């Protein structure tokens, strides 16, 4: 069982619900969804376990809110970029930057979004899977548009390129450190240079 925690996990001035979500995010990150109980969350917040149900329905509902909120941020960022109708290269650069900013905002939460969605029950799991596909489709459209416009090489395999891009981006919360020498935007520039270099047309 995780060690006892106190309400110091919660942001200053947080509402009870925000405190619960903050504590659950940290506990899920440290011990996993299955390794965290409602009692652990209550202890972290500093309330009796029964008091949690005045603010949340269940542990599954907490996980859903953490994950869906995170996925929605990625999807919203992609939608905003696509609405700008920029070149494929610029769209992908903006997407890398937006992705890094979201990760940097809370790497631990992002890891839960990427890895613990499998613990969701139906129909939530299917809905979240569709939202994840929506994010992937943005990258597919951008890479395909770059190939069609000549920005990217005609030899680019769009599916492989997208899987490579997302694989690299989804790994960022594993190594990103807020104490590092580079800002999220600086890292995004370097990462975009590395990832998009292999897509460019050689003509």
Protein backbone atom coordinates (compact mmCIF):
# COMPACT_ATOMS: atom_id res chain seq x y z
CA UNK A 1 0.00 0.00 0.00
CA UNK A 2 1.29 3.51 -0.79
CA UNK A 3 2.54 5.44 2.20
CA UNK A 4 0.20 7.88 3.87
CA UNK A 5 0.09 11.33 2.31
CA UNK A 6 -1.25 14.65 3.41
CA UNK A 7 -3.19 17.35 1.67
CA UNK A 8 0.09 19.11 0.79
CA UNK A 9 -0.23 17.42 -2.62
CA UNK A 10 -3.08 19.74 -3.56
CA UNK A 11 -2.41 23.14 -5.13
CA UNK A 12 -2.91 26.07 -2.80
CA UNK A 13 -6.48 27.32 -2.99
CA UNK A 14 -7.70 24.22 -4.85
CA UNK A 15 -11.31 23.17 -4.61
CA UNK A 16 -12.00 19.75 -3.03
CA UNK A 17 -12.47 18.23 -6.48
CA UNK A 18 -9.24 19.75 -7.77
CA UNK A 19 -7.42 18.48 -4.68
CA UNK A 20 -8.77 14.98 -5.29
CA UNK A 21 -7.71 15.02 -8.96
CA UNK A 22 -4.27 16.36 -8.06
CA UNK A 23 -3.72 13.70 -5.39
CA UNK A 24 -5.02 10.92 -7.64
CA UNK A 25 -2.77 12.04 -10.49
CA UNK A 26 0.29 11.84 -8.28
CA UNK A 27 -0.71 8.51 -6.74
CA UNK A 28 -1.58 6.93 -10.10
CA UNK A 29 1.79 8.10 -11.36
CA UNK A 30 3.68 6.68 -8.40
CA UNK A 31 1.80 3.44 -7.83
CA UNK A 32 -0.38 2.90 -10.87
CA UNK A 33 -4.17 2.87 -11.07
CA UNK A 34 -4.51 -0.64 -9.71
CA UNK A 35 -2.03 0.06 -6.93
CA UNK A 36 -3.99 3.05 -5.63
CA UNK A 37 -7.14 2.78 -3.51
CA UNK A 38 -9.81 5.31 -2.70
CA UNK A 39 -8.49 5.23 0.86
CA UNK A 40 -5.05 6.25 -0.44
CA UNK A 41 -6.59 9.19 -2.29
CA UNK A 42 -8.58 10.23 0.76
CA UNK A 43 -5.47 10.09 2.94
CA UNK A 44 -3.57 12.20 0.43
CA UNK A 45 -6.31 14.82 0.42
CA UNK A 46 -6.74 14.66 4.18
CA UNK A 47 -10.37 13.54 4.34
CA UNK A 48 -12.27 10.42 5.30
CA UNK A 49 -12.76 7.94 2.42
CA UNK A 50 -16.52 8.34 2.50
CA UNK A 51 -16.17 12.09 2.03
CA UNK A 52 -14.68 11.59 -1.44
CA UNK A 53 -18.03 10.49 -2.82
CA UNK A 54 -19.48 13.95 -2.24
CA UNK A 55 -17.18 15.12 -5.05
CA UNK A 56 -16.52 12.08 -7.28
CA UNK A 57 -18.42 8.95 -8.27
CA UNK A 58 -15.61 6.41 -8.27
CA UNK A 59 -11.92 5.82 -8.82
CA UNK A 60 -12.70 4.99 -12.45
CA UNK A 61 -14.41 8.37 -12.82
CA UNK A 62 -11.29 10.09 -11.49
CA UNK A 63 -9.07 8.22 -13.97
CA UNK A 64 -11.45 9.10 -16.79
CA UNK A 65 -11.39 12.80 -15.93
CA UNK A 66 -7.58 12.87 -15.76
CA UNK A 67 -7.14 11.03 -19.05
CA UNK A 68 -9.94 12.63 -21.04
CA UNK A 69 -8.90 16.10 -19.93
CA UNK A 70 -5.36 15.38 -21.11
CA UNK A 71 -6.38 13.88 -24.45
CA UNK A 72 -8.77 16.77 -25.09
CA UNK A 73 -5.88 19.23 -24.70
CA UNK A 74 -3.87 17.46 -27.41
CA UNK A 75 -6.86 17.23 -29.74
CA UNK A 76 -7.79 20.89 -29.20
CA UNK A 77 -4.22 21.96 -29.97
CA UNK A 78 -4.25 19.96 -33.21
CA UNK A 79 -7.63 21.40 -34.23
CA UNK A 80 -6.39 24.94 -33.63
CA UNK A 81 -3.27 24.34 -35.72
CA UNK A 82 -5.23 22.76 -38.55
CA UNK A 83 -7.59 25.75 -38.64
CA UNK A 84 -4.62 28.02 -39.40
CA UNK A 85 -4.14 26.33 -42.79
CA UNK A 86 -0.36 26.62 -42.69
CA UNK A 87 2.11 24.57 -44.70
CA UNK A 88 2.56 20.96 -43.68
CA UNK A 89 6.00 21.66 -42.27
CA UNK A 90 4.78 24.59 -40.17
CA UNK A 91 1.74 22.63 -38.97
CA UNK A 92 3.95 19.80 -37.74
CA UNK A 93 6.38 22.21 -36.09
CA UNK A 94 3.51 23.88 -34.28
CA UNK A 95 2.16 20.47 -33.26
CA UNK A 96 5.51 19.41 -31.82
CA UNK A 97 5.69 22.66 -29.85
CA UNK A 98 2.12 22.31 -28.56
CA UNK A 99 2.77 18.70 -27.60
CA UNK A 100 5.90 19.62 -25.63
CA UNK A 101 4.10 22.45 -23.86
CA UNK A 102 1.33 20.12 -22.71
CA UNK A 103 3.84 17.53 -21.57
CA UNK A 104 5.89 20.14 -19.71
CA UNK A 105 2.79 21.41 -17.92
CA UNK A 106 2.57 18.09 -16.05
CA UNK A 107 4.76 15.18 -17.25
CA UNK A 108 3.32 12.82 -14.64
CA UNK A 109 -0.24 13.44 -15.77
CA UNK A 110 0.79 12.96 -19.40
CA UNK A 111 2.27 9.56 -18.58
CA UNK A 112 -1.07 8.54 -17.11
CA UNK A 113 -2.82 9.77 -20.25
CA UNK A 114 -0.52 7.72 -22.47
CA UNK A 115 -0.24 4.53 -20.44
CA UNK A 116 -3.16 4.06 -18.06
CA UNK A 117 -6.13 4.60 -20.39
CA UNK A 118 -6.25 0.81 -20.71
CA UNK A 119 -7.69 0.62 -17.20
CA UNK A 120 -10.80 2.56 -18.22
CA UNK A 121 -14.04 0.64 -18.44
CA UNK A 122 -16.33 0.65 -21.44
CA UNK A 123 -17.71 2.68 -23.09
CA UNK A 124 -15.10 5.18 -21.89
CA UNK A 125 -12.16 3.23 -23.25
CA UNK A 126 -13.61 3.15 -26.76
CA UNK A 127 -14.39 6.87 -26.67
CA UNK A 128 -10.86 7.70 -25.55
CA UNK A 129 -9.40 5.42 -28.21
CA UNK A 130 -11.36 7.35 -30.85
CA UNK A 131 -10.05 10.66 -29.51
CA UNK A 132 -6.50 9.32 -29.65
CA UNK A 133 -7.12 8.31 -33.27
CA UNK A 134 -8.39 11.81 -34.00
CA UNK A 135 -5.04 13.19 -32.82
CA UNK A 136 -3.17 10.67 -34.95
CA UNK A 137 -5.27 11.58 -38.00
CA UNK A 138 -4.11 15.19 -37.72
CA UNK A 139 -0.52 14.03 -38.19
CA UNK A 140 -1.55 11.70 -41.01
CA UNK A 141 -3.23 14.55 -42.88
CA UNK A 142 -0.28 16.87 -42.31
CA UNK A 143 2.33 14.39 -43.51
CA UNK A 144 0.19 13.37 -46.51
CA UNK A 145 -0.31 17.04 -47.41
CA UNK A 146 3.44 17.58 -47.23
CA UNK A 147 4.06 14.70 -49.61
CA UNK A 148 1.39 15.99 -52.00
CA UNK A 149 2.81 19.53 -51.99
CA UNK A 150 6.38 18.42 -52.48
CA UNK A 151 7.54 19.65 -49.07
CA UNK A 152 8.25 16.06 -48.13
CA UNK A 153 9.78 13.35 -50.25
CA UNK A 154 7.44 11.32 -52.45
CA UNK A 155 9.15 8.23 -51.02
CA UNK A 156 7.85 8.93 -47.49
CA UNK A 157 5.66 6.17 -46.10
CA UNK A 158 2.98 8.27 -44.41
CA UNK A 159 1.91 5.63 -41.90
CA UNK A 160 5.46 4.82 -40.82
CA UNK A 161 6.32 8.52 -40.62
CA UNK A 162 3.32 9.26 -38.40
CA UNK A 163 4.04 6.33 -36.11
CA UNK A 164 7.63 7.54 -35.82
CA UNK A 165 6.58 11.11 -35.04
CA UNK A 166 4.04 10.10 -32.43
CA UNK A 167 6.35 7.51 -30.93
CA UNK A 168 8.99 10.17 -30.36
CA UNK A 169 6.50 12.71 -29.03
CA UNK A 170 4.80 10.25 -26.70
CA UNK A 171 8.16 9.34 -25.21
CA UNK A 172 8.93 12.94 -24.20
CA UNK A 173 7.32 12.77 -20.73
CA UNK A 174 9.72 9.91 -19.95
CA UNK A 175 12.77 12.15 -20.31
CA UNK A 176 11.56 15.74 -20.03
CA UNK A 177 12.80 17.56 -16.92
CA UNK A 178 11.62 21.00 -15.83
CA UNK A 179 15.08 21.45 -14.32
CA UNK A 180 16.82 20.94 -17.67
CA UNK A 181 18.73 23.73 -19.40
CA UNK A 182 16.28 24.04 -22.32
CA UNK A 183 12.73 25.38 -22.30
CA UNK A 184 9.90 23.30 -23.78
CA UNK A 185 9.88 25.52 -26.88
CA UNK A 186 13.64 25.15 -27.33
CA UNK A 187 13.33 21.39 -27.01
CA UNK A 188 10.44 21.42 -29.47
CA UNK A 189 12.55 23.24 -32.06
CA UNK A 190 15.37 20.71 -31.75
CA UNK A 191 12.97 17.77 -31.81
CA UNK A 192 11.11 19.11 -34.85
CA UNK A 193 14.40 19.61 -36.67
CA UNK A 194 15.35 16.01 -35.97
CA UNK A 195 11.97 14.49 -36.78
CA UNK A 196 11.15 16.49 -39.92
CA UNK A 197 14.60 16.35 -41.44
CA UNK A 198 14.02 12.84 -42.69
CA UNK A 199 10.74 13.78 -44.38
CA UNK A 200 11.97 16.66 -46.53
CA UNK A 201 12.12 16.38 -50.27
CA UNK A 202 15.65 15.94 -51.60
CA UNK A 203 14.90 17.76 -54.85
